[in-house]
Amino acid sequence: MAILAGLAGAGAAVAGSLYWTLTRAPSAASVRARIAGSLPAPQGALNVFHLGHSLVNRDMPAMLAQLAPKGHSYNSQLGWGTTLQAHWGDATIAGFETENAHPRFRAAQEAVASGDYDALVLTEMVEIRDSIRYFESPRYLAQWARKAIKARPDVRLYLYETWHPLDDPDGWLERLDRDLDRYWLSRVLGPALKDLPHTAQIRMIPAGQVLAAFVRKVEAEGGLGNVRDRTDLFQRAEDGTLDPIHLNDLGNYLVALVHYAVLYHADPVGLPAALTRADGAPATAPEPEVAQLMQEVTRDVVHSLGLSGISV
């Protein structure tokens, strides 16, 4: 009987995933229309909670804090490739103790329920297709949003658009071009918003789109400063082996710019480039012409997409 019950539970989970995967896919255009309105710009520093995994990491939020207005504060809960489902408590968070062994950790359920945060940045596992198919991404995105809104009705909610490995067989840039509409908007954000009151909004932090735009410009020029091509934004092992998914200091700086532009409705052009990592060590800084291009691309992409609640 226990085996039958287990099979029934597994079957219910699969059925639930299929329900969210197959039956709740509004068009990307309708999702864009839903989130097209603007938010008022923040009046001062924000308190931000980052929920996610290694594509959030410790260094990117620390860089964001250095770019943000004085008084910016943050906490996080991280894991290894963690889903929103696992953060909710419905699955195990791999690497929990390792990834959260730092002073900025705060337990996610407690943090979101506290109402202490002006903004909640939610990050889903990649591969995004697997998150949708097996881990009910829209359902858990909506659950986190409801919890945050219940605790604080004026909270600013964001879905952090990430990326996939450089060696993806379908092409790294090609997938970034296609996946925003077909997965992030149509199959994650859209179904989640359908499950929330119409007054509830979740905006996008379009880091993947900014990475793609920046890489295209750099590679079209044959390299710029200390970024020759896309690989110079990603980590390498001591033997030089490329890590195709995790960003280095230069990549983290670019993603921190995206968070800054979205959260603060502010032009990142002119921000400092020499920052420190979360542990206080100096980060590798983009050379001046690279920093300038990163800042300009961030400003242009965030405003042109119209997904982040910023008035154009």
C-alpha atoms as a PDB file:
ATOM      1  CA  MET A   1       0.000   0.000   0.000  1.00  0.00           C
ATOM      2  CA  ALA A   2       2.894   2.367   0.791  1.00  0.00           C
ATOM      3  CA  ILE A   3       4.325   1.736  -2.674  1.00  0.00           C
ATOM      4  CA  LEU A   4       0.954   2.441  -4.261  1.00  0.00           C
ATOM      5  CA  ALA A   5       0.624   5.617  -2.219  1.00  0.00           C
ATOM      6  CA  GLY A   6       4.097   6.684  -3.324  1.00  0.00           C
ATOM      7  CA  LEU A   7       3.260   6.025  -6.947  1.00  0.00           C
ATOM      8  CA  ALA A   8       0.037   7.945  -6.564  1.00  0.00           C
ATOM      9  CA  GLY A   9       1.948  10.867  -5.063  1.00  0.00           C
ATOM     10  CA  ALA A  10       4.498  10.793  -7.870  1.00  0.00           C
ATOM     11  CA  GLY A  11       1.703  10.609 -10.402  1.00  0.00           C
ATOM     12  CA  ALA A  12      -0.004  13.609  -8.843  1.00  0.00           C
ATOM     13  CA  ALA A  13       3.232  15.579  -8.987  1.00  0.00           C
ATOM     14  CA  VAL A  14       3.716  14.734 -12.649  1.00  0.00           C
ATOM     15  CA  ALA A  15       0.098  15.601 -13.377  1.00  0.00           C
ATOM     16  CA  GLY A  16       0.519  18.926 -11.611  1.00  0.00           C
ATOM     17  CA  SER A  17       3.633  19.705 -13.614  1.00  0.00           C
ATOM     18  CA  LEU A  18       1.920  18.784 -16.862  1.00  0.00           C
ATOM     19  CA  TYR A  19      -1.026  20.988 -15.929  1.00  0.00           C
ATOM     20  CA  TRP A  20       1.198  24.033 -15.516  1.00  0.00           C
ATOM     21  CA  THR A  21       3.316  23.104 -18.549  1.00  0.00           C
ATOM     22  CA  LEU A  22       0.568  22.423 -21.058  1.00  0.00           C
ATOM     23  CA  THR A  23      -2.576  24.294 -20.105  1.00  0.00           C
ATOM     24  CA  ARG A  24      -1.511  27.696 -18.838  1.00  0.00           C
ATOM     25  CA  ALA A  25       0.547  29.430 -21.492  1.00  0.00           C
ATOM     26  CA  PRO A  26      -0.665  32.955 -22.263  1.00  0.00           C
ATOM     27  CA  SER A  27       1.017  34.664 -25.158  1.00  0.00           C
ATOM     28  CA  ALA A  28       4.170  36.642 -24.506  1.00  0.00           C
ATOM     29  CA  ALA A  29       2.396  39.686 -25.937  1.00  0.00           C
ATOM     30  CA  SER A  30      -0.370  39.433 -23.341  1.00  0.00           C
ATOM     31  CA  VAL A  31       2.196  39.158 -20.553  1.00  0.00           C
ATOM     32  CA  ARG A  32       4.050  42.196 -21.867  1.00  0.00           C
ATOM     33  CA  ALA A  33       0.768  44.109 -21.843  1.00  0.00           C
ATOM     34  CA  ARG A  34       0.012  43.000 -18.278  1.00  0.00           C
ATOM     35  CA  ILE A  35       3.323  44.318 -16.887  1.00  0.00           C
ATOM     36  CA  ALA A  36       3.678  47.340 -19.155  1.00  0.00           C
ATOM     37  CA  GLY A  37       2.737  49.927 -16.542  1.00  0.00           C
ATOM     38  CA  SER A  38       5.371  51.800 -14.605  1.00  0.00           C
ATOM     39  CA  LEU A  39       6.217  51.768 -10.922  1.00  0.00           C
ATOM     40  CA  PRO A  40       7.103  54.958  -9.076  1.00  0.00           C
ATOM     41  CA  ALA A  41      10.852  55.317  -8.764  1.00  0.00           C
ATOM     42  CA  PRO A  42      12.158  54.454  -5.296  1.00  0.00           C
ATOM     43  CA  GLN A  43      12.644  57.391  -2.983  1.00  0.00           C
ATOM     44  CA  GLY A  44      15.921  56.333  -1.421  1.00  0.00           C
ATOM     45  CA  ALA A  45      17.741  53.116  -0.648  1.00  0.00           C
ATOM     46  CA  LEU A  46      16.021  49.729  -0.772  1.00  0.00           C
ATOM     47  CA  ASN A  47      16.117  46.639   1.410  1.00  0.00           C
ATOM     48  CA  VAL A  48      16.257  43.687  -1.016  1.00  0.00           C
ATOM     49  CA  PHE A  49      15.893  39.925  -0.589  1.00  0.00           C
ATOM     50  CA  HIS A  50      17.553  37.691  -3.193  1.00  0.00           C
ATOM     51  CA  LEU A  51      16.200  34.140  -3.486  1.00  0.00           C
ATOM     52  CA  GLY A  52      18.110  31.828  -5.772  1.00  0.00           C
ATOM     53  CA  HIS A  53      21.308  29.944  -6.482  1.00  0.00           C
ATOM     54  CA  SER A  54      24.813  30.371  -7.886  1.00  0.00           C
ATOM     55  CA  LEU A  55      23.680  32.693 -10.678  1.00  0.00           C
ATOM     56  CA  VAL A  56      22.824  35.093  -7.853  1.00  0.00           C
ATOM     57  CA  ASN A  57      25.908  34.116  -5.799  1.00  0.00           C
ATOM     58  CA  ARG A  58      27.390  36.234  -3.018  1.00  0.00           C
ATOM     59  CA  ASP A  59      29.419  38.694  -5.070  1.00  0.00           C
ATOM     60  CA  MET A  60      26.744  40.099  -7.367  1.00  0.00           C
ATOM     61  CA  PRO A  61      24.488  41.374  -4.533  1.00  0.00           C
ATOM     62  CA  ALA A  62      27.580  42.785  -2.806  1.00  0.00           C
ATOM     63  CA  MET A  63      28.484  44.664  -5.982  1.00  0.00           C
ATOM     64  CA  LEU A  64      24.913  45.927  -6.291  1.00  0.00           C
ATOM     65  CA  ALA A  65      25.115  47.280  -2.740  1.00  0.00           C
ATOM     66  CA  GLN A  66      28.238  49.251  -3.681  1.00  0.00           C
ATOM     67  CA  LEU A  67      26.509  50.758  -6.729  1.00  0.00           C
ATOM     68  CA  ALA A  68      23.252  51.551  -4.926  1.00  0.00           C
ATOM     69  CA  PRO A  69      22.425  54.619  -2.839  1.00  0.00           C
ATOM     70  CA  LYS A  70      23.831  54.747   0.666  1.00  0.00           C
ATOM     71  CA  GLY A  71      21.649  52.694   2.991  1.00  0.00           C
ATOM     72  CA  HIS A  72      20.953  49.867   0.535  1.00  0.00           C
ATOM     73  CA  SER A  73      20.747  46.571   2.405  1.00  0.00           C
ATOM     74  CA  TYR A  74      20.103  42.975   1.446  1.00  0.00           C
ATOM     75  CA  ASN A  75      19.826  39.355   2.515  1.00  0.00           C
ATOM     76  CA  SER A  76      19.624  36.121   0.577  1.00  0.00           C
ATOM     77  CA  GLN A  77      18.910  32.414   0.607  1.00  0.00           C
ATOM     78  CA  LEU A  78      20.855  30.367  -1.924  1.00  0.00           C
ATOM     79  CA  GLY A  79      21.462  26.770  -2.959  1.00  0.00           C
ATOM     80  CA  TRP A  80      23.040  24.731  -5.723  1.00  0.00           C
ATOM     81  CA  GLY A  81      20.836  24.946  -8.802  1.00  0.00           C
ATOM     82  CA  THR A  82      17.859  25.424  -6.523  1.00  0.00           C
ATOM     83  CA  THR A  83      14.272  25.636  -7.708  1.00  0.00           C
ATOM     84  CA  LEU A  84      11.619  27.968  -6.324  1.00  0.00           C
ATOM     85  CA  GLN A  85       9.864  24.776  -5.266  1.00  0.00           C
ATOM     86  CA  ALA A  86      12.803  23.675  -3.124  1.00  0.00           C
ATOM     87  CA  HIS A  87      13.162  27.122  -1.559  1.00  0.00           C
ATOM     88  CA  TRP A  88       9.484  26.902  -0.641  1.00  0.00           C
ATOM     89  CA  GLY A  89      10.269  23.727   1.289  1.00  0.00           C
ATOM     90  CA  ASP A  90       8.724  21.130  -1.017  1.00  0.00           C
ATOM     91  CA  ALA A  91      12.085  19.624  -2.028  1.00  0.00           C
ATOM     92  CA  THR A  92      15.638  19.470  -0.687  1.00  0.00           C
ATOM     93  CA  ILE A  93      17.948  22.461  -1.170  1.00  0.00           C
ATOM     94  CA  ALA A  94      21.296  21.045  -2.281  1.00  0.00           C
ATOM     95  CA  GLY A  95      24.283  22.902  -0.864  1.00  0.00           C
ATOM     96  CA  PHE A  96      22.186  24.810   1.646  1.00  0.00           C
ATOM     97  CA  GLU A  97      24.754  24.922   4.444  1.00  0.00           C
ATOM     98  CA  THR A  98      27.635  25.763   2.119  1.00  0.00           C
ATOM     99  CA  GLU A  99      25.909  28.480   0.120  1.00  0.00           C
ATOM    100  CA  ASN A 100      24.369  30.189   3.138  1.00  0.00           C
ATOM    101  CA  ALA A 101      27.440  30.248   5.383  1.00  0.00           C
ATOM    102  CA  HIS A 102      27.736  34.030   5.287  1.00  0.00           C
ATOM    103  CA  PRO A 103      26.361  36.962   7.319  1.00  0.00           C
ATOM    104  CA  ARG A 104      23.804  37.997   4.681  1.00  0.00           C
ATOM    105  CA  PHE A 105      21.829  34.768   4.936  1.00  0.00           C
ATOM    106  CA  ARG A 106      18.266  34.888   6.193  1.00  0.00           C
ATOM    107  CA  ALA A 107      15.796  32.015   5.992  1.00  0.00           C
ATOM    108  CA  ALA A 108      13.522  32.740   3.035  1.00  0.00           C
ATOM    109  CA  GLN A 109      10.142  31.899   4.519  1.00  0.00           C
ATOM    110  CA  GLU A 110      10.865  34.032   7.586  1.00  0.00           C
ATOM    111  CA  ALA A 111      12.326  36.850   5.502  1.00  0.00           C
ATOM    112  CA  VAL A 112       9.430  37.102   3.058  1.00  0.00           C
ATOM    113  CA  ALA A 113       6.814  36.816   5.798  1.00  0.00           C
ATOM    114  CA  SER A 114       8.481  39.596   7.777  1.00  0.00           C
ATOM    115  CA  GLY A 115       7.512  42.382   5.379  1.00  0.00           C
ATOM    116  CA  ASP A 116      10.964  43.873   5.940  1.00  0.00           C
ATOM    117  CA  TYR A 117      11.908  44.036   2.271  1.00  0.00           C
ATOM    118  CA  ASP A 118      11.078  46.676  -0.302  1.00  0.00           C
ATOM    119  CA  ALA A 119      11.915  44.286  -3.141  1.00  0.00           C
ATOM    120  CA  LEU A 120      11.990  40.510  -3.583  1.00  0.00           C
ATOM    121  CA  VAL A 121      14.095  39.103  -6.437  1.00  0.00           C
ATOM    122  CA  LEU A 122      13.072  35.543  -7.340  1.00  0.00           C
ATOM    123  CA  THR A 123      15.393  33.278  -9.319  1.00  0.00           C
ATOM    124  CA  GLU A 124      14.381  29.984 -10.922  1.00  0.00           C
ATOM    125  CA  MET A 125      16.634  27.024 -11.618  1.00  0.00           C
ATOM    126  CA  VAL A 126      18.177  26.574 -15.027  1.00  0.00           C
ATOM    127  CA  GLU A 127      17.660  24.625 -17.277  1.00  0.00           C
ATOM    128  CA  ILE A 128      14.483  26.710 -17.407  1.00  0.00           C
ATOM    129  CA  ARG A 129      12.708  24.114 -19.567  1.00  0.00           C
ATOM    130  CA  ASP A 130      13.191  21.511 -16.837  1.00  0.00           C
ATOM    131  CA  SER A 131      12.031  23.937 -14.151  1.00  0.00           C
ATOM    132  CA  ILE A 132       8.786  24.436 -16.053  1.00  0.00           C
ATOM    133  CA  ARG A 133       8.276  20.789 -16.934  1.00  0.00           C
ATOM    134  CA  TYR A 134       9.182  19.129 -13.652  1.00  0.00           C
ATOM    135  CA  PHE A 135       9.187  21.740 -10.871  1.00  0.00           C
ATOM    136  CA  GLU A 136       6.058  23.846 -11.483  1.00  0.00           C
ATOM    137  CA  SER A 137       7.853  27.153 -11.858  1.00  0.00           C
ATOM    138  CA  PRO A 138       4.741  29.331 -12.311  1.00  0.00           C
ATOM    139  CA  ARG A 139       2.947  27.770  -9.357  1.00  0.00           C
ATOM    140  CA  TYR A 140       5.834  28.466  -6.979  1.00  0.00           C
ATOM    141  CA  LEU A 141       6.516  31.907  -8.414  1.00  0.00           C
ATOM    142  CA  ALA A 142       2.883  32.767  -7.652  1.00  0.00           C
ATOM    143  CA  GLN A 143       3.113  31.277  -4.152  1.00  0.00           C
ATOM    144  CA  TRP A 144       6.173  33.359  -3.277  1.00  0.00           C
ATOM    145  CA  ALA A 145       4.470  36.438  -4.701  1.00  0.00           C
ATOM    146  CA  ARG A 146       1.305  35.865  -2.658  1.00  0.00           C
ATOM    147  CA  LYS A 147       3.310  35.396   0.516  1.00  0.00           C
ATOM    148  CA  ALA A 148       5.286  38.584  -0.113  1.00  0.00           C
ATOM    149  CA  ILE A 149       2.187  40.655  -0.928  1.00  0.00           C
ATOM    150  CA  LYS A 150       0.341  39.370   2.142  1.00  0.00           C
ATOM    151  CA  ALA A 151       3.212  40.515   4.353  1.00  0.00           C
ATOM    152  CA  ARG A 152       3.711  43.798   2.541  1.00  0.00           C
ATOM    153  CA  PRO A 153       1.212  44.936  -0.117  1.00  0.00           C
ATOM    154  CA  ASP A 154       3.604  47.497  -1.620  1.00  0.00           C
ATOM    155  CA  VAL A 155       6.498  45.059  -2.093  1.00  0.00           C
ATOM    156  CA  ARG A 156       8.237  45.172  -5.501  1.00  0.00           C
ATOM    157  CA  LEU A 157       8.426  41.711  -7.047  1.00  0.00           C
ATOM    158  CA  TYR A 158      10.943  40.705  -9.710  1.00  0.00           C
ATOM    159  CA  LEU A 159      11.742  37.566 -11.691  1.00  0.00           C
ATOM    160  CA  TYR A 160      15.451  37.410 -12.495  1.00  0.00           C
ATOM    161  CA  GLU A 161      15.969  36.218 -16.088  1.00  0.00           C
ATOM    162  CA  THR A 162      19.185  34.230 -16.114  1.00  0.00           C
ATOM    163  CA  TRP A 163      20.921  32.219 -18.873  1.00  0.00           C
ATOM    164  CA  HIS A 164      22.025  28.708 -19.794  1.00  0.00           C
ATOM    165  CA  PRO A 165      25.499  27.259 -20.482  1.00  0.00           C
ATOM    166  CA  LEU A 166      27.645  28.696 -23.248  1.00  0.00           C
ATOM    167  CA  ASP A 167      27.896  25.252 -24.839  1.00  0.00           C
ATOM    168  CA  ASP A 168      24.135  24.773 -25.146  1.00  0.00           C
ATOM    169  CA  PRO A 169      23.573  22.712 -28.313  1.00  0.00           C
ATOM    170  CA  ASP A 170      20.805  25.074 -29.455  1.00  0.00           C
ATOM    171  CA  GLY A 171      23.183  28.056 -29.323  1.00  0.00           C
ATOM    172  CA  TRP A 172      23.767  30.429 -26.427  1.00  0.00           C
ATOM    173  CA  LEU A 173      22.723  33.680 -28.127  1.00  0.00           C
ATOM    174  CA  GLU A 174      19.997  31.920 -30.093  1.00  0.00           C
ATOM    175  CA  ARG A 175      18.371  30.618 -26.931  1.00  0.00           C
ATOM    176  CA  LEU A 176      18.615  33.963 -25.166  1.00  0.00           C
ATOM    177  CA  ASP A 177      16.797  35.488 -28.132  1.00  0.00           C
ATOM    178  CA  ARG A 178      14.012  32.908 -28.120  1.00  0.00           C
ATOM    179  CA  ASP A 179      13.639  31.940 -24.483  1.00  0.00           C
ATOM    180  CA  LEU A 180      12.516  35.300 -23.124  1.00  0.00           C
ATOM    181  CA  ASP A 181       9.158  35.065 -24.887  1.00  0.00           C
ATOM    182  CA  ARG A 182       8.655  31.320 -25.152  1.00  0.00           C
ATOM    183  CA  TYR A 183       9.665  30.379 -21.587  1.00  0.00           C
ATOM    184  CA  TRP A 184      10.256  33.281 -19.200  1.00  0.00           C
ATOM    185  CA  LEU A 185       7.193  35.285 -20.243  1.00  0.00           C
ATOM    186  CA  SER A 186       4.784  32.737 -21.707  1.00  0.00           C
ATOM    187  CA  ARG A 187       5.411  29.725 -19.482  1.00  0.00           C
ATOM    188  CA  VAL A 188       6.687  31.124 -16.189  1.00  0.00           C
ATOM    189  CA  LEU A 189       5.680  34.721 -15.573  1.00  0.00           C
ATOM    190  CA  GLY A 190       2.400  34.675 -17.515  1.00  0.00           C
ATOM    191  CA  PRO A 191       0.836  31.648 -15.812  1.00  0.00           C
ATOM    192  CA  ALA A 192       1.979  32.923 -12.416  1.00  0.00           C
ATOM    193  CA  LEU A 193       0.326  36.292 -13.016  1.00  0.00           C
ATOM    194  CA  LYS A 194      -2.898  34.559 -14.084  1.00  0.00           C
ATOM    195  CA  ASP A 195      -2.925  32.959 -10.634  1.00  0.00           C
ATOM    196  CA  LEU A 196      -2.601  36.314  -8.852  1.00  0.00           C
ATOM    197  CA  PRO A 197      -4.999  39.246  -8.440  1.00  0.00           C
ATOM    198  CA  HIS A 198      -4.854  41.603 -11.397  1.00  0.00           C
ATOM    199  CA  THR A 199      -3.377  44.302  -9.182  1.00  0.00           C
ATOM    200  CA  ALA A 200      -0.370  42.096  -8.421  1.00  0.00           C
ATOM    201  CA  GLN A 201       2.641  42.571 -10.662  1.00  0.00           C
ATOM    202  CA  ILE A 202       5.936  40.783 -11.110  1.00  0.00           C
ATOM    203  CA  ARG A 203       8.484  42.578 -13.253  1.00  0.00           C
ATOM    204  CA  MET A 204      11.613  41.270 -14.951  1.00  0.00           C
ATOM    205  CA  ILE A 205      15.311  41.756 -14.290  1.00  0.00           C
ATOM    206  CA  PRO A 206      16.470  40.968 -17.848  1.00  0.00           C
ATOM    207  CA  ALA A 207      20.061  39.937 -17.166  1.00  0.00           C
ATOM    208  CA  GLY A 208      20.118  37.366 -19.967  1.00  0.00           C
ATOM    209  CA  GLN A 209      19.015  39.966 -22.498  1.00  0.00           C
ATOM    210  CA  VAL A 210      21.694  42.425 -21.363  1.00  0.00           C
ATOM    211  CA  LEU A 211      24.382  39.736 -21.500  1.00  0.00           C
ATOM    212  CA  ALA A 212      23.358  38.879 -25.051  1.00  0.00           C
ATOM    213  CA  ALA A 213      23.342  42.504 -26.204  1.00  0.00           C
ATOM    214  CA  PHE A 214      26.711  43.221 -24.611  1.00  0.00           C
ATOM    215  CA  VAL A 215      28.329  40.097 -26.066  1.00  0.00           C
ATOM    216  CA  ARG A 216      27.041  40.933 -29.545  1.00  0.00           C
ATOM    217  CA  LYS A 217      28.573  44.399 -29.404  1.00  0.00           C
ATOM    218  CA  VAL A 218      31.920  43.220 -28.038  1.00  0.00           C
ATOM    219  CA  GLU A 219      32.265  40.339 -30.462  1.00  0.00           C
ATOM    220  CA  ALA A 220      31.239  42.513 -33.407  1.00  0.00           C
ATOM    221  CA  GLU A 221      34.181  44.777 -32.556  1.00  0.00           C
ATOM    222  CA  GLY A 222      36.579  41.848 -32.210  1.00  0.00           C
ATOM    223  CA  GLY A 223      36.951  42.434 -28.482  1.00  0.00           C
ATOM    224  CA  LEU A 224      37.171  45.472 -26.256  1.00  0.00           C
ATOM    225  CA  GLY A 225      39.609  46.106 -23.416  1.00  0.00           C
ATOM    226  CA  ASN A 226      39.770  43.114 -21.107  1.00  0.00           C
ATOM    227  CA  VAL A 227      36.773  41.383 -22.720  1.00  0.00           C
ATOM    228  CA  ARG A 228      37.691  39.653 -25.982  1.00  0.00           C
ATOM    229  CA  ASP A 229      34.525  37.578 -26.271  1.00  0.00           C
ATOM    230  CA  ARG A 230      31.731  35.997 -24.199  1.00  0.00           C
ATOM    231  CA  THR A 231      34.089  33.595 -22.426  1.00  0.00           C
ATOM    232  CA  ASP A 232      35.794  36.487 -20.638  1.00  0.00           C
ATOM    233  CA  LEU A 233      32.619  37.009 -18.591  1.00  0.00           C
ATOM    234  CA  PHE A 234      32.735  33.473 -17.168  1.00  0.00           C
ATOM    235  CA  GLN A 235      34.848  31.726 -14.563  1.00  0.00           C
ATOM    236  CA  ARG A 236      37.832  29.509 -15.313  1.00  0.00           C
ATOM    237  CA  ALA A 237      39.403  26.800 -13.180  1.00  0.00           C
ATOM    238  CA  GLU A 238      43.041  27.050 -12.145  1.00  0.00           C
ATOM    239  CA  ASP A 239      44.011  24.947 -15.172  1.00  0.00           C
ATOM    240  CA  GLY A 240      42.203  27.366 -17.483  1.00  0.00           C
ATOM    241  CA  THR A 241      39.151  25.186 -18.085  1.00  0.00           C
ATOM    242  CA  LEU A 242      36.096  27.328 -18.817  1.00  0.00           C
ATOM    243  CA  ASP A 243      33.062  27.179 -16.540  1.00  0.00           C
ATOM    244  CA  PRO A 244      30.271  27.721 -19.103  1.00  0.00           C
ATOM    245  CA  ILE A 245      27.565  28.900 -16.690  1.00  0.00           C
ATOM    246  CA  HIS A 246      29.037  30.783 -13.696  1.00  0.00           C
ATOM    247  CA  LEU A 247      30.106  34.390 -14.096  1.00  0.00           C
ATOM    248  CA  ASN A 248      33.414  35.872 -13.027  1.00  0.00           C
ATOM    249  CA  ASP A 249      33.870  39.365 -11.580  1.00  0.00           C
ATOM    250  CA  LEU A 250      33.313  41.036 -14.959  1.00  0.00           C
ATOM    251  CA  GLY A 251      30.087  39.132 -15.564  1.00  0.00           C
ATOM    252  CA  ASN A 252      28.872  39.757 -12.028  1.00  0.00           C
ATOM    253  CA  TYR A 253      29.533  43.467 -12.469  1.00  0.00           C
ATOM    254  CA  LEU A 254      27.368  43.532 -15.590  1.00  0.00           C
ATOM    255  CA  VAL A 255      24.510  41.683 -13.856  1.00  0.00           C
ATOM    256  CA  ALA A 256      24.797  43.994 -10.839  1.00  0.00           C
ATOM    257  CA  LEU A 257      24.341  46.928 -13.236  1.00  0.00           C
ATOM    258  CA  VAL A 258      21.122  45.337 -14.519  1.00  0.00           C
ATOM    259  CA  HIS A 259      19.788  44.930 -10.993  1.00  0.00           C
ATOM    260  CA  TYR A 260      20.729  48.525 -10.188  1.00  0.00           C
ATOM    261  CA  ALA A 261      19.015  49.942 -13.292  1.00  0.00           C
ATOM    262  CA  VAL A 262      15.824  47.950 -12.655  1.00  0.00           C
ATOM    263  CA  LEU A 263      15.532  48.319  -8.905  1.00  0.00           C
ATOM    264  CA  TYR A 264      16.414  52.014  -8.772  1.00  0.00           C
ATOM    265  CA  HIS A 265      14.995  53.173 -12.130  1.00  0.00           C
ATOM    266  CA  ALA A 266      18.372  54.837 -12.578  1.00  0.00           C
ATOM    267  CA  ASP A 267      20.834  55.329 -15.418  1.00  0.00           C
ATOM    268  CA  PRO A 268      23.917  53.212 -14.647  1.00  0.00           C
ATOM    269  CA  VAL A 269      26.205  55.242 -16.926  1.00  0.00           C
ATOM    270  CA  GLY A 270      28.955  56.781 -14.826  1.00  0.00           C
ATOM    271  CA  LEU A 271      28.825  54.289 -11.964  1.00  0.00           C
ATOM    272  CA  PRO A 272      32.154  53.149 -10.481  1.00  0.00           C
ATOM    273  CA  ALA A 273      33.773  50.015 -11.886  1.00  0.00           C
ATOM    274  CA  ALA A 274      36.334  49.250  -9.181  1.00  0.00           C
ATOM    275  CA  LEU A 275      34.411  47.229  -6.585  1.00  0.00           C
ATOM    276  CA  THR A 276      35.057  44.503  -4.031  1.00  0.00           C
ATOM    277  CA  ARG A 277      33.690  40.993  -3.745  1.00  0.00           C
ATOM    278  CA  ALA A 278      31.511  39.882  -0.855  1.00  0.00           C
ATOM    279  CA  ASP A 279      34.594  38.860   1.132  1.00  0.00           C
ATOM    280  CA  GLY A 280      36.142  42.319   0.747  1.00  0.00           C
ATOM    281  CA  ALA A 281      38.780  41.284  -1.807  1.00  0.00           C
ATOM    282  CA  PRO A 282      39.171  43.591  -4.827  1.00  0.00           C
ATOM    283  CA  ALA A 283      37.157  42.362  -7.800  1.00  0.00           C
ATOM    284  CA  THR A 284      38.663  42.315 -11.272  1.00  0.00           C
ATOM    285  CA  ALA A 285      37.340  45.540 -12.754  1.00  0.00           C
ATOM    286  CA  PRO A 286      36.251  46.081 -16.347  1.00  0.00           C
ATOM    287  CA  GLU A 287      38.606  48.438 -18.136  1.00  0.00           C
ATOM    288  CA  PRO A 288      37.107  51.927 -18.636  1.00  0.00           C
ATOM    289  CA  GLU A 289      35.842  51.359 -22.183  1.00  0.00           C
ATOM    290  CA  VAL A 290      34.342  48.015 -21.163  1.00  0.00           C
ATOM    291  CA  ALA A 291      32.601  49.521 -18.126  1.00  0.00           C
ATOM    292  CA  GLN A 292      31.215  52.305 -20.311  1.00  0.00           C
ATOM    293  CA  LEU A 293      29.793  49.844 -22.830  1.00  0.00           C
ATOM    294  CA  MET A 294      28.348  47.632 -20.086  1.00  0.00           C
ATOM    295  CA  GLN A 295      26.594  50.609 -18.546  1.00  0.00           C
ATOM    296  CA  GLU A 296      25.242  51.920 -21.852  1.00  0.00           C
ATOM    297  CA  VAL A 297      23.977  48.502 -22.965  1.00  0.00           C
ATOM    298  CA  THR A 298      22.307  47.950 -19.598  1.00  0.00           C
ATOM    299  CA  ARG A 299      20.517  51.298 -19.768  1.00  0.00           C
ATOM    300  CA  ASP A 300      19.382  50.776 -23.359  1.00  0.00           C
ATOM    301  CA  VAL A 301      18.171  47.174 -22.999  1.00  0.00           C
ATOM    302  CA  VAL A 302      16.333  47.693 -19.710  1.00  0.00           C
ATOM    303  CA  HIS A 303      14.463  50.691 -21.108  1.00  0.00           C
ATOM    304  CA  SER A 304      13.743  49.270 -24.560  1.00  0.00           C
ATOM    305  CA  LEU A 305      12.284  45.990 -23.261  1.00  0.00           C
ATOM    306  CA  GLY A 306       9.690  47.690 -21.080  1.00  0.00           C
ATOM    307  CA  LEU A 307       9.430  44.720 -18.693  1.00  0.00           C
ATOM    308  CA  SER A 308      10.826  46.230 -15.519  1.00  0.00           C
ATOM    309  CA  GLY A 309       8.272  48.809 -14.422  1.00  0.00           C
ATOM    310  CA  ILE A 310      10.426  51.766 -15.448  1.00  0.00           C
ATOM    311  CA  SER A 311       8.751  54.691 -17.180  1.00  0.00           C
ATOM    312  CA  VAL A 312      10.300  55.323 -20.590  1.00  0.00           C
END
